[in-house]
Amino acid sequence: MILSTLVLQGLSLTPLIRALRLGRDQTLELEEARAREEAARAALTRLDQLAGAPWPHREQIDRLRAVYTQRLRRASSIDAEDAGSARARAAHRRLRHETLSAERRALIALRDRGVISDEVLQHLEQELDVEAIRIGLGEAPLTD
């Protein structure tokens, strides 16, 4: 009796959730986006303060300003997304996942043919891993 109850309820839960069309809770994602936005704003404010002081490498400040402006734009866009743009973002993530996988397979093939060493492969794979983490692959399942 207990086994049949658990199996019946366990197997019917997923279809029930799909039928009810319950959306995914994005509370933590929105909270994280707000935190990233605030952190990027703080970094930009500090860069503005440093820009006023004598600084030997002004181009480094400009490069960092571009990086933090991009982060701010990316974090700010999360709050404004609707269902259509969320689907577009998911499609972009899937496409990016496919391209990163293709790059990884090509690098492994180069190593297997002896064109590059294991050390070079590891270095380039690490860059691919960082890129995957940067765009959020691996944090949430890829959905259509």
Protein backbone atom coordinates (compact mmCIF):
# COMPACT_ATOMS: atom_id res chain seq x y z
CA MET A 1 0.00 0.00 0.00
CA ILE A 2 2.74 2.44 0.97
CA LEU A 3 4.81 1.56 -2.08
CA SER A 4 1.90 2.03 -4.48
CA THR A 5 1.01 5.37 -2.87
CA LEU A 6 4.56 6.65 -3.16
CA VAL A 7 5.00 5.45 -6.73
CA LEU A 8 1.61 6.77 -7.88
CA GLN A 9 2.11 10.18 -6.30
CA GLY A 10 5.76 10.35 -7.31
CA LEU A 11 5.09 9.58 -10.96
CA SER A 12 2.09 11.92 -11.19
CA LEU A 13 3.78 14.95 -9.65
CA THR A 14 5.82 16.00 -12.70
CA PRO A 15 2.88 15.84 -15.15
CA LEU A 16 0.72 17.70 -12.64
CA ILE A 17 3.26 20.52 -12.34
CA ARG A 18 3.52 20.74 -16.14
CA ALA A 19 -0.28 20.78 -16.49
CA LEU A 20 -0.57 23.61 -13.96
CA ARG A 21 2.12 25.53 -15.88
CA LEU A 22 3.81 26.66 -12.71
CA GLY A 23 6.71 28.92 -13.55
CA ARG A 24 10.16 28.56 -12.16
CA ASP A 25 10.84 30.62 -9.03
CA GLN A 26 13.26 33.34 -10.06
CA THR A 27 13.51 35.07 -6.68
CA LEU A 28 17.14 34.09 -6.15
CA GLU A 29 18.10 34.98 -9.73
CA LEU A 30 16.56 38.44 -9.38
CA GLU A 31 18.24 38.93 -6.00
CA GLU A 32 21.58 37.91 -7.50
CA ALA A 33 21.06 40.26 -10.45
CA ARG A 34 20.34 43.16 -8.11
CA ALA A 35 23.45 42.36 -6.09
CA ARG A 36 25.57 42.18 -9.25
CA GLU A 37 24.09 45.48 -10.42
CA GLU A 38 24.88 47.19 -7.12
CA ALA A 39 28.42 45.76 -7.06
CA ALA A 40 29.05 46.95 -10.63
CA ARG A 41 27.74 50.43 -9.75
CA ALA A 42 30.09 50.54 -6.74
CA ALA A 43 33.04 49.52 -8.92
CA LEU A 44 32.17 52.19 -11.51
CA THR A 45 31.91 54.82 -8.77
CA ARG A 46 35.33 53.83 -7.46
CA LEU A 47 36.79 53.94 -10.97
CA ASP A 48 35.39 57.47 -11.36
CA GLN A 49 37.11 58.45 -8.12
CA LEU A 50 40.39 56.92 -9.27
CA ALA A 51 40.13 58.60 -12.66
CA GLY A 52 40.33 61.98 -10.94
CA ALA A 53 43.62 61.07 -9.24
CA PRO A 54 46.93 60.91 -11.08
CA TRP A 55 47.07 57.42 -12.51
CA PRO A 56 49.93 56.21 -14.69
CA HIS A 57 47.88 53.78 -16.77
CA ARG A 58 44.67 55.55 -17.76
CA GLU A 59 43.83 52.90 -20.37
CA GLN A 60 43.46 50.29 -17.60
CA ILE A 61 40.76 52.41 -15.97
CA ASP A 62 39.00 52.74 -19.32
CA ARG A 63 39.15 48.98 -19.91
CA LEU A 64 37.78 48.23 -16.47
CA ARG A 65 35.05 50.82 -16.93
CA ALA A 66 33.99 49.01 -20.11
CA VAL A 67 33.95 45.66 -18.28
CA TYR A 68 31.84 46.99 -15.41
CA THR A 69 29.51 48.88 -17.74
CA GLN A 70 28.91 45.60 -19.59
CA ARG A 71 28.25 43.80 -16.29
CA LEU A 72 25.84 46.53 -15.23
CA ARG A 73 23.98 46.32 -18.53
CA ARG A 74 23.75 42.54 -18.27
CA ALA A 75 22.56 42.61 -14.64
CA SER A 76 20.03 45.38 -15.31
CA SER A 77 18.48 43.53 -18.23
CA ILE A 78 17.44 40.59 -16.05
CA ASP A 79 14.80 42.65 -14.23
CA ALA A 80 13.27 43.87 -17.48
CA GLU A 81 12.95 40.48 -19.18
CA ASP A 82 9.64 39.08 -20.26
CA ALA A 83 8.80 35.51 -21.26
CA GLY A 84 9.84 36.06 -24.89
CA SER A 85 13.26 37.41 -24.03
CA ALA A 86 13.73 34.64 -21.45
CA ARG A 87 13.14 32.09 -24.24
CA ALA A 88 15.57 34.00 -26.47
CA ARG A 89 18.17 33.99 -23.70
CA ALA A 90 17.69 30.25 -23.18
CA ALA A 91 18.09 29.66 -26.92
CA HIS A 92 21.26 31.77 -26.92
CA ARG A 93 22.64 29.80 -23.96
CA ARG A 94 21.91 26.53 -25.77
CA LEU A 95 23.60 27.82 -28.93
CA ARG A 96 26.60 29.04 -26.91
CA HIS A 97 26.78 25.64 -25.19
CA GLU A 98 26.87 23.94 -28.59
CA THR A 99 29.64 26.23 -29.88
CA LEU A 100 31.75 25.79 -26.75
CA SER A 101 31.33 22.01 -27.04
CA ALA A 102 32.43 22.14 -30.68
CA GLU A 103 35.51 24.16 -29.69
CA ARG A 104 36.34 21.64 -26.98
CA ARG A 105 35.99 18.69 -29.39
CA ALA A 106 38.25 20.45 -31.92
CA LEU A 107 40.91 21.08 -29.28
CA ILE A 108 40.81 17.45 -28.12
CA ALA A 109 41.17 16.31 -31.74
CA LEU A 110 44.23 18.55 -32.14
CA ARG A 111 45.75 17.04 -29.02
CA ASP A 112 44.93 13.50 -30.17
CA ARG A 113 46.68 14.16 -33.51
CA GLY A 114 49.74 15.52 -31.67
CA VAL A 115 49.32 19.10 -32.97
CA ILE A 116 49.08 20.55 -29.46
CA SER A 117 50.36 19.32 -26.11
CA ASP A 118 48.31 18.34 -23.07
CA GLU A 119 49.46 21.54 -21.39
CA VAL A 120 48.10 23.71 -24.21
CA LEU A 121 44.86 21.69 -24.24
CA GLN A 122 44.41 22.18 -20.50
CA HIS A 123 45.04 25.92 -20.78
CA LEU A 124 42.54 26.34 -23.61
CA GLU A 125 39.96 24.11 -21.91
CA GLN A 126 40.29 26.25 -18.82
CA GLU A 127 39.45 29.32 -20.91
CA LEU A 128 36.39 27.51 -22.29
CA ASP A 129 35.34 26.57 -18.76
CA VAL A 130 35.66 30.18 -17.61
CA GLU A 131 33.57 31.33 -20.57
CA ALA A 132 30.92 28.71 -19.78
CA ILE A 133 30.78 29.84 -16.17
CA ARG A 134 30.69 33.50 -17.20
CA ILE A 135 27.58 33.01 -19.31
CA GLY A 136 25.93 30.79 -16.72
CA LEU A 137 26.20 27.35 -18.30
CA GLY A 138 26.14 24.64 -15.71
CA GLU A 139 24.29 26.74 -13.12
CA ALA A 140 20.85 25.88 -14.46
CA PRO A 141 19.64 23.20 -16.85
CA LEU A 142 19.50 24.11 -20.51
CA THR A 143 15.89 24.37 -21.59
CA ASP A 144 14.23 24.95 -24.95
